[in-house]
Amino acid sequence: MRIRDHRDDDTPDINLIPLIDVLLCLLIFFVVTTTFDARSVLKLELPRADGQPADSQAQPLGILISADGHYFVGDRELLRNDMESLKQALREVAGDDRQRTVLIRADARTPWQAVVTAYEALGQLGFRRVANATAPQVPVAGGGP
C-alpha cells in the first residue's frame, strides 16, 4: 500500500525581477557616467604657429632619438642610452655654447622615457633653447578636414 505524503514539493525558483531591477539601475548609471566629457571642463587656448622657419645664423644642434631609444648627437651615435653618456656627447659637440638651439627629432614610436631623458640632460647642462621637430600632416585624399 502506498502512503501518500501531502507536503508540497520544495522546488527552488529564482525570482528574476530584483535582478532585472539591479541590472537596469547599473545600465542607467554607466550610460549617464560615460557621457561626461572631461574636455568640456578644460578651456584651453593653444599657441599658434605659422610654420615658418626661424632666422638663425647657427645650425641647431641635433639630437635624434630612434624608435628603440638610441641617441644620435649631431652625426655621432651613442653606444649607451643612459643620461651620462648623452650629457658627455652634448658637452663634446656643443662645447661651452649653451645658447645654441637644440633640435630634438624623435621617432613617433620612441618611448617617452627616452625623450624625457634627453630633456633632463639638456636642462642639467643649461640648454634653454630646445625645439621639437615634427613632420607636416599629410592631407587626406578626398578633401576631408
N, C-alpha and C. Protein backbone atom coordinates (compact mmCIF):
# COMPACT_ATOMS: atom_id res chain seq x y z
N MET A 1 0.83 -1.15 0.00
CA MET A 1 0.00 0.00 0.00
C MET A 1 0.89 1.23 0.00
N ARG A 2 0.53 2.15 -0.78
CA ARG A 2 1.32 3.36 -0.91
C ARG A 2 0.74 4.44 -0.01
N ILE A 3 1.65 4.98 0.79
CA ILE A 3 1.21 6.07 1.66
C ILE A 3 1.67 7.37 1.00
N ARG A 4 0.72 8.18 0.81
CA ARG A 4 1.00 9.43 0.11
C ARG A 4 1.31 10.52 1.11
N ASP A 5 2.38 11.27 0.80
CA ASP A 5 2.78 12.41 1.63
C ASP A 5 2.11 13.65 1.05
N HIS A 6 1.43 14.40 1.87
CA HIS A 6 0.69 15.55 1.38
C HIS A 6 1.46 16.86 1.51
N ARG A 7 2.77 16.81 1.72
CA ARG A 7 3.58 18.02 1.76
C ARG A 7 3.88 18.50 0.35
N ASP A 8 4.02 19.83 0.23
CA ASP A 8 4.35 20.39 -1.08
C ASP A 8 5.80 20.08 -1.43
N ASP A 9 6.00 19.89 -2.67
CA ASP A 9 7.37 19.66 -3.14
C ASP A 9 8.16 20.96 -3.02
N ASP A 10 9.38 20.86 -2.55
CA ASP A 10 10.25 22.03 -2.46
C ASP A 10 11.02 22.19 -3.76
N THR A 11 10.47 22.98 -4.64
CA THR A 11 11.16 23.27 -5.90
C THR A 11 11.73 24.67 -5.81
N PRO A 12 13.03 24.80 -5.91
CA PRO A 12 13.62 26.14 -5.83
C PRO A 12 13.33 26.93 -7.10
N ASP A 13 13.06 28.19 -6.91
CA ASP A 13 12.86 29.06 -8.07
C ASP A 13 13.61 30.36 -7.81
N ILE A 14 14.03 30.97 -8.89
CA ILE A 14 14.78 32.21 -8.81
C ILE A 14 13.86 33.33 -9.26
N ASN A 15 13.74 34.31 -8.40
CA ASN A 15 12.92 35.47 -8.73
C ASN A 15 13.80 36.44 -9.52
N LEU A 16 13.48 36.66 -10.78
CA LEU A 16 14.31 37.46 -11.66
C LEU A 16 14.00 38.95 -11.61
N ILE A 17 12.92 39.35 -11.05
CA ILE A 17 12.54 40.76 -11.04
C ILE A 17 13.54 41.62 -10.27
N PRO A 18 14.00 41.26 -9.05
CA PRO A 18 15.02 42.10 -8.41
C PRO A 18 16.34 42.15 -9.19
N LEU A 19 16.70 41.05 -9.84
CA LEU A 19 17.91 41.02 -10.65
C LEU A 19 17.80 41.97 -11.84
N ILE A 20 16.65 41.99 -12.49
CA ILE A 20 16.43 42.89 -13.62
C ILE A 20 16.45 44.34 -13.15
N ASP A 21 15.89 44.63 -11.98
CA ASP A 21 15.91 45.98 -11.44
C ASP A 21 17.35 46.46 -11.19
N VAL A 22 18.15 45.60 -10.61
CA VAL A 22 19.55 45.97 -10.33
C VAL A 22 20.31 46.19 -11.63
N LEU A 23 20.13 45.31 -12.60
CA LEU A 23 20.83 45.47 -13.88
C LEU A 23 20.38 46.73 -14.61
N LEU A 24 19.11 47.07 -14.53
CA LEU A 24 18.63 48.28 -15.17
C LEU A 24 19.24 49.52 -14.50
N CYS A 25 19.33 49.51 -13.19
CA CYS A 25 19.96 50.63 -12.48
C CYS A 25 21.44 50.76 -12.85
N LEU A 26 22.15 49.63 -12.93
CA LEU A 26 23.56 49.68 -13.34
C LEU A 26 23.72 50.19 -14.76
N LEU A 27 22.84 49.75 -15.65
CA LEU A 27 22.90 50.19 -17.03
C LEU A 27 22.69 51.70 -17.13
N ILE A 28 21.71 52.22 -16.43
CA ILE A 28 21.46 53.66 -16.44
C ILE A 28 22.66 54.41 -15.85
N PHE A 29 23.24 53.89 -14.76
CA PHE A 29 24.40 54.53 -14.14
C PHE A 29 25.57 54.61 -15.12
N PHE A 30 25.88 53.52 -15.81
CA PHE A 30 27.00 53.52 -16.73
C PHE A 30 26.74 54.40 -17.95
N VAL A 31 25.53 54.44 -18.44
CA VAL A 31 25.22 55.30 -19.58
C VAL A 31 25.37 56.76 -19.20
N VAL A 32 24.91 57.13 -18.03
CA VAL A 32 24.99 58.53 -17.60
C VAL A 32 26.44 58.93 -17.32
N THR A 33 27.22 58.08 -16.68
CA THR A 33 28.59 58.46 -16.32
C THR A 33 29.54 58.45 -17.50
N THR A 34 29.27 57.68 -18.53
CA THR A 34 30.18 57.69 -19.68
C THR A 34 29.92 58.86 -20.60
N THR A 35 28.85 59.59 -20.43
CA THR A 35 28.60 60.74 -21.30
C THR A 35 29.30 61.99 -20.80
N PHE A 36 29.92 61.96 -19.63
CA PHE A 36 30.65 63.12 -19.15
C PHE A 36 31.88 63.30 -20.01
N ASP A 37 32.12 64.52 -20.42
CA ASP A 37 33.26 64.82 -21.27
C ASP A 37 34.22 65.72 -20.50
N ALA A 38 35.40 65.21 -20.19
CA ALA A 38 36.36 65.98 -19.41
C ALA A 38 36.91 67.16 -20.21
N ARG A 39 36.93 67.06 -21.52
CA ARG A 39 37.46 68.15 -22.32
C ARG A 39 36.58 69.38 -22.26
N SER A 40 35.29 69.22 -21.98
CA SER A 40 34.42 70.38 -21.92
C SER A 40 34.70 71.21 -20.67
N VAL A 41 35.33 70.62 -19.67
CA VAL A 41 35.65 71.34 -18.44
C VAL A 41 36.86 72.22 -18.66
N LEU A 42 37.84 71.75 -19.42
CA LEU A 42 39.08 72.49 -19.64
C LEU A 42 38.90 73.48 -20.78
N LYS A 43 39.19 74.73 -20.51
CA LYS A 43 39.15 75.76 -21.54
C LYS A 43 40.59 76.15 -21.86
N LEU A 44 41.10 75.61 -22.97
CA LEU A 44 42.48 75.85 -23.36
C LEU A 44 42.53 76.69 -24.62
N GLU A 45 43.48 77.61 -24.64
CA GLU A 45 43.78 78.32 -25.86
C GLU A 45 45.18 77.91 -26.27
N LEU A 46 45.26 77.15 -27.32
CA LEU A 46 46.54 76.60 -27.74
C LEU A 46 47.36 77.65 -28.49
N PRO A 47 48.69 77.58 -28.37
CA PRO A 47 49.54 78.53 -29.09
C PRO A 47 49.45 78.30 -30.59
N ARG A 48 49.70 79.36 -31.32
CA ARG A 48 49.62 79.29 -32.77
C ARG A 48 51.03 79.36 -33.36
N ALA A 49 51.19 78.70 -34.49
CA ALA A 49 52.47 78.74 -35.20
C ALA A 49 52.18 78.80 -36.69
N ASP A 50 52.96 79.61 -37.40
CA ASP A 50 52.73 79.73 -38.83
C ASP A 50 53.56 78.75 -39.64
N GLY A 51 54.46 78.04 -38.99
CA GLY A 51 55.24 77.02 -39.67
C GLY A 51 56.42 77.56 -40.44
N GLN A 52 56.73 78.85 -40.30
CA GLN A 52 57.87 79.43 -41.00
C GLN A 52 59.14 79.16 -40.19
N PRO A 53 60.22 78.79 -40.84
CA PRO A 53 61.45 78.56 -40.10
C PRO A 53 62.01 79.86 -39.52
N ALA A 54 62.61 79.75 -38.37
CA ALA A 54 63.18 80.92 -37.71
C ALA A 54 64.49 81.30 -38.39
N ASP A 55 64.77 82.60 -38.37
CA ASP A 55 66.03 83.08 -38.92
C ASP A 55 67.11 82.92 -37.87
N SER A 56 68.05 82.06 -38.14
CA SER A 56 69.16 81.89 -37.20
C SER A 56 70.43 81.64 -37.99
N GLN A 57 71.53 82.20 -37.50
CA GLN A 57 72.80 82.07 -38.16
C GLN A 57 73.42 80.70 -37.91
N ALA A 58 73.33 80.22 -36.68
CA ALA A 58 73.99 78.97 -36.32
C ALA A 58 73.08 77.78 -36.60
N GLN A 59 73.70 76.73 -37.02
CA GLN A 59 72.96 75.49 -37.20
C GLN A 59 72.55 74.95 -35.84
N PRO A 60 71.31 74.48 -35.69
CA PRO A 60 70.92 73.91 -34.40
C PRO A 60 71.63 72.59 -34.16
N LEU A 61 71.86 72.32 -32.90
CA LEU A 61 72.44 71.04 -32.50
C LEU A 61 71.34 70.00 -32.55
N GLY A 62 71.55 68.93 -33.27
CA GLY A 62 70.50 67.94 -33.45
C GLY A 62 70.68 66.73 -32.56
N ILE A 63 69.59 66.34 -31.92
CA ILE A 63 69.53 65.09 -31.17
C ILE A 63 68.47 64.24 -31.84
N LEU A 64 68.87 63.10 -32.33
CA LEU A 64 67.94 62.17 -32.97
C LEU A 64 67.73 61.01 -32.02
N ILE A 65 66.47 60.65 -31.80
CA ILE A 65 66.15 59.51 -30.94
C ILE A 65 65.40 58.51 -31.80
N SER A 66 65.96 57.33 -31.95
CA SER A 66 65.36 56.32 -32.81
C SER A 66 64.16 55.67 -32.12
N ALA A 67 63.46 54.83 -32.85
CA ALA A 67 62.24 54.19 -32.32
C ALA A 67 62.54 53.28 -31.15
N ASP A 68 63.75 52.73 -31.08
CA ASP A 68 64.09 51.85 -29.96
C ASP A 68 64.85 52.58 -28.86
N GLY A 69 64.94 53.92 -28.93
CA GLY A 69 65.50 54.70 -27.85
C GLY A 69 66.99 54.97 -27.94
N HIS A 70 67.61 54.75 -29.09
CA HIS A 70 69.03 55.05 -29.25
C HIS A 70 69.21 56.52 -29.62
N TYR A 71 70.27 57.13 -29.07
CA TYR A 71 70.53 58.54 -29.27
C TYR A 71 71.61 58.76 -30.32
N PHE A 72 71.43 59.82 -31.11
CA PHE A 72 72.42 60.30 -32.06
C PHE A 72 72.57 61.79 -31.79
N VAL A 73 73.77 62.25 -31.43
CA VAL A 73 74.03 63.66 -31.20
C VAL A 73 74.87 64.15 -32.36
N GLY A 74 74.32 65.10 -33.11
CA GLY A 74 74.99 65.52 -34.33
C GLY A 74 75.00 64.34 -35.30
N ASP A 75 76.20 63.93 -35.69
CA ASP A 75 76.31 62.76 -36.57
C ASP A 75 76.91 61.56 -35.83
N ARG A 76 76.97 61.64 -34.50
CA ARG A 76 77.57 60.57 -33.70
C ARG A 76 76.49 59.73 -33.04
N GLU A 77 76.66 58.42 -33.12
CA GLU A 77 75.75 57.51 -32.43
C GLU A 77 76.32 57.19 -31.06
N LEU A 78 75.48 57.27 -30.04
CA LEU A 78 75.91 56.94 -28.69
C LEU A 78 75.82 55.43 -28.49
N LEU A 79 76.84 54.87 -27.86
CA LEU A 79 76.84 53.43 -27.64
C LEU A 79 75.93 53.04 -26.49
N ARG A 80 75.84 53.91 -25.48
CA ARG A 80 74.96 53.64 -24.34
C ARG A 80 73.81 54.63 -24.36
N ASN A 81 72.69 54.23 -23.78
CA ASN A 81 71.49 55.06 -23.80
C ASN A 81 71.20 55.69 -22.45
N ASP A 82 72.22 55.88 -21.63
CA ASP A 82 71.99 56.49 -20.32
C ASP A 82 72.23 58.00 -20.40
N MET A 83 71.83 58.70 -19.35
CA MET A 83 71.90 60.15 -19.33
C MET A 83 73.34 60.65 -19.31
N GLU A 84 74.23 59.98 -18.61
CA GLU A 84 75.62 60.45 -18.51
C GLU A 84 76.32 60.42 -19.86
N SER A 85 76.12 59.37 -20.64
CA SER A 85 76.76 59.33 -21.96
C SER A 85 76.14 60.37 -22.89
N LEU A 86 74.84 60.65 -22.74
CA LEU A 86 74.21 61.69 -23.54
C LEU A 86 74.74 63.07 -23.16
N LYS A 87 74.90 63.32 -21.87
CA LYS A 87 75.45 64.59 -21.42
C LYS A 87 76.89 64.77 -21.89
N GLN A 88 77.68 63.72 -21.85
CA GLN A 88 79.07 63.79 -22.29
C GLN A 88 79.14 64.11 -23.79
N ALA A 89 78.29 63.47 -24.58
CA ALA A 89 78.29 63.74 -26.01
C ALA A 89 77.83 65.17 -26.30
N LEU A 90 76.86 65.66 -25.55
CA LEU A 90 76.41 67.04 -25.74
C LEU A 90 77.51 68.03 -25.37
N ARG A 91 78.27 67.75 -24.31
CA ARG A 91 79.39 68.62 -23.93
C ARG A 91 80.45 68.66 -25.03
N GLU A 92 80.75 67.50 -25.61
CA GLU A 92 81.78 67.43 -26.64
C GLU A 92 81.35 68.14 -27.92
N VAL A 93 80.10 67.98 -28.31
CA VAL A 93 79.65 68.57 -29.57
C VAL A 93 79.37 70.06 -29.43
N ALA A 94 78.73 70.47 -28.34
CA ALA A 94 78.33 71.88 -28.20
C ALA A 94 79.43 72.74 -27.59
N GLY A 95 80.33 72.14 -26.84
CA GLY A 95 81.36 72.93 -26.18
C GLY A 95 80.75 73.77 -25.07
N ASP A 96 81.10 75.06 -25.03
CA ASP A 96 80.59 75.95 -23.99
C ASP A 96 79.38 76.75 -24.46
N ASP A 97 78.92 76.55 -25.67
CA ASP A 97 77.82 77.32 -26.23
C ASP A 97 76.48 76.75 -25.75
N ARG A 98 75.93 77.35 -24.67
CA ARG A 98 74.65 76.89 -24.13
C ARG A 98 73.47 77.69 -24.71
N GLN A 99 73.77 78.71 -25.53
CA GLN A 99 72.72 79.50 -26.17
C GLN A 99 72.31 78.91 -27.52
N ARG A 100 72.99 77.89 -27.93
CA ARG A 100 72.70 77.24 -29.21
C ARG A 100 71.37 76.51 -29.13
N THR A 101 70.59 76.59 -30.16
CA THR A 101 69.30 75.90 -30.21
C THR A 101 69.54 74.41 -30.39
N VAL A 102 68.80 73.61 -29.65
CA VAL A 102 68.88 72.16 -29.75
C VAL A 102 67.59 71.67 -30.38
N LEU A 103 67.70 70.90 -31.44
CA LEU A 103 66.54 70.36 -32.15
C LEU A 103 66.44 68.88 -31.85
N ILE A 104 65.35 68.48 -31.21
CA ILE A 104 65.12 67.07 -30.88
C ILE A 104 64.23 66.48 -31.95
N ARG A 105 64.75 65.44 -32.59
CA ARG A 105 63.97 64.69 -33.59
C ARG A 105 63.77 63.29 -33.04
N ALA A 106 62.55 63.00 -32.63
CA ALA A 106 62.24 61.69 -32.08
C ALA A 106 61.25 60.98 -32.99
N ASP A 107 61.47 59.70 -33.17
CA ASP A 107 60.54 58.89 -33.94
C ASP A 107 59.20 58.87 -33.22
N ALA A 108 58.13 58.73 -33.97
CA ALA A 108 56.79 58.71 -33.37
C ALA A 108 56.60 57.52 -32.44
N ARG A 109 57.37 56.47 -32.64
CA ARG A 109 57.25 55.27 -31.80
C ARG A 109 58.29 55.23 -30.68
N THR A 110 59.03 56.33 -30.49
CA THR A 110 60.05 56.39 -29.46
C THR A 110 59.42 56.30 -28.09
N PRO A 111 59.99 55.51 -27.17
CA PRO A 111 59.48 55.50 -25.80
C PRO A 111 59.59 56.89 -25.18
N TRP A 112 58.57 57.30 -24.48
CA TRP A 112 58.54 58.64 -23.90
C TRP A 112 59.68 58.85 -22.92
N GLN A 113 60.12 57.81 -22.24
CA GLN A 113 61.21 57.94 -21.28
C GLN A 113 62.50 58.40 -21.97
N ALA A 114 62.75 57.99 -23.19
CA ALA A 114 63.95 58.41 -23.90
C ALA A 114 63.91 59.91 -24.20
N VAL A 115 62.73 60.43 -24.54
CA VAL A 115 62.59 61.86 -24.82
C VAL A 115 62.75 62.66 -23.52
N VAL A 116 62.16 62.18 -22.44
CA VAL A 116 62.28 62.86 -21.16
C VAL A 116 63.73 62.87 -20.68
N THR A 117 64.45 61.79 -20.91
CA THR A 117 65.87 61.73 -20.55
C THR A 117 66.66 62.78 -21.32
N ALA A 118 66.35 62.96 -22.59
CA ALA A 118 67.04 63.98 -23.39
C ALA A 118 66.74 65.38 -22.85
N TYR A 119 65.48 65.64 -22.52
CA TYR A 119 65.13 66.94 -21.93
C TYR A 119 65.84 67.16 -20.60
N GLU A 120 65.91 66.13 -19.79
CA GLU A 120 66.56 66.25 -18.48
C GLU A 120 68.06 66.53 -18.65
N ALA A 121 68.71 65.85 -19.59
CA ALA A 121 70.14 66.08 -19.82
C ALA A 121 70.37 67.49 -20.32
N LEU A 122 69.51 67.98 -21.21
CA LEU A 122 69.67 69.35 -21.71
C LEU A 122 69.46 70.37 -20.59
N GLY A 123 68.48 70.11 -19.74
CA GLY A 123 68.23 71.02 -18.63
C GLY A 123 69.38 71.05 -17.64
N GLN A 124 69.97 69.90 -17.35
CA GLN A 124 71.09 69.85 -16.42
C GLN A 124 72.33 70.53 -16.97
N LEU A 125 72.50 70.52 -18.29
CA LEU A 125 73.66 71.17 -18.90
C LEU A 125 73.43 72.66 -19.11
N GLY A 126 72.22 73.14 -18.98
CA GLY A 126 71.97 74.57 -19.10
C GLY A 126 71.44 75.01 -20.45
N PHE A 127 71.04 74.10 -21.31
CA PHE A 127 70.44 74.49 -22.59
C PHE A 127 69.02 74.97 -22.34
N ARG A 128 68.67 76.12 -22.88
CA ARG A 128 67.33 76.68 -22.68
C ARG A 128 66.54 76.80 -23.97
N ARG A 129 67.21 76.71 -25.09
CA ARG A 129 66.54 76.84 -26.38
C ARG A 129 66.41 75.45 -27.00
N VAL A 130 65.28 74.82 -26.76
CA VAL A 130 65.04 73.46 -27.23
C VAL A 130 63.82 73.47 -28.14
N ALA A 131 63.93 72.85 -29.28
CA ALA A 131 62.82 72.77 -30.24
C ALA A 131 62.57 71.31 -30.58
N ASN A 132 61.34 71.02 -30.95
CA ASN A 132 60.97 69.67 -31.37
C ASN A 132 60.68 69.67 -32.86
N ALA A 133 61.24 68.70 -33.56
CA ALA A 133 60.99 68.58 -34.99
C ALA A 133 59.75 67.72 -35.20
N THR A 134 58.89 68.18 -36.10
CA THR A 134 57.70 67.42 -36.46
C THR A 134 57.61 67.37 -37.98
N ALA A 135 56.84 66.44 -38.46
CA ALA A 135 56.60 66.34 -39.88
C ALA A 135 55.24 66.96 -40.18
N PRO A 136 55.10 67.60 -41.32
CA PRO A 136 53.78 68.17 -41.64
C PRO A 136 52.76 67.05 -41.82
N GLN A 137 51.53 67.38 -41.48
CA GLN A 137 50.47 66.39 -41.59
C GLN A 137 50.14 66.18 -43.06
N VAL A 138 50.03 64.92 -43.46
CA VAL A 138 49.75 64.58 -44.82
C VAL A 138 48.26 64.79 -45.08
N PRO A 139 47.88 65.56 -46.11
CA PRO A 139 46.46 65.76 -46.37
C PRO A 139 45.80 64.45 -46.78
N VAL A 140 44.57 64.28 -46.30
CA VAL A 140 43.81 63.07 -46.58
C VAL A 140 43.18 63.22 -47.96
N ALA A 141 43.29 62.17 -48.78
CA ALA A 141 42.68 62.18 -50.11
C ALA A 141 41.16 62.20 -49.96
N GLY A 142 40.51 63.00 -50.74
CA GLY A 142 39.06 63.08 -50.67
C GLY A 142 38.57 64.43 -50.18
N GLY A 143 39.49 65.32 -49.79
CA GLY A 143 39.11 66.67 -49.41
C GLY A 143 38.51 66.82 -48.04
N GLY A 144 38.65 65.83 -47.16
CA GLY A 144 38.11 65.92 -45.81
C GLY A 144 38.96 66.82 -44.94
N PRO A 145 38.43 67.25 -43.79
CA PRO A 145 39.22 68.12 -42.91
C PRO A 145 40.35 67.43 -42.22
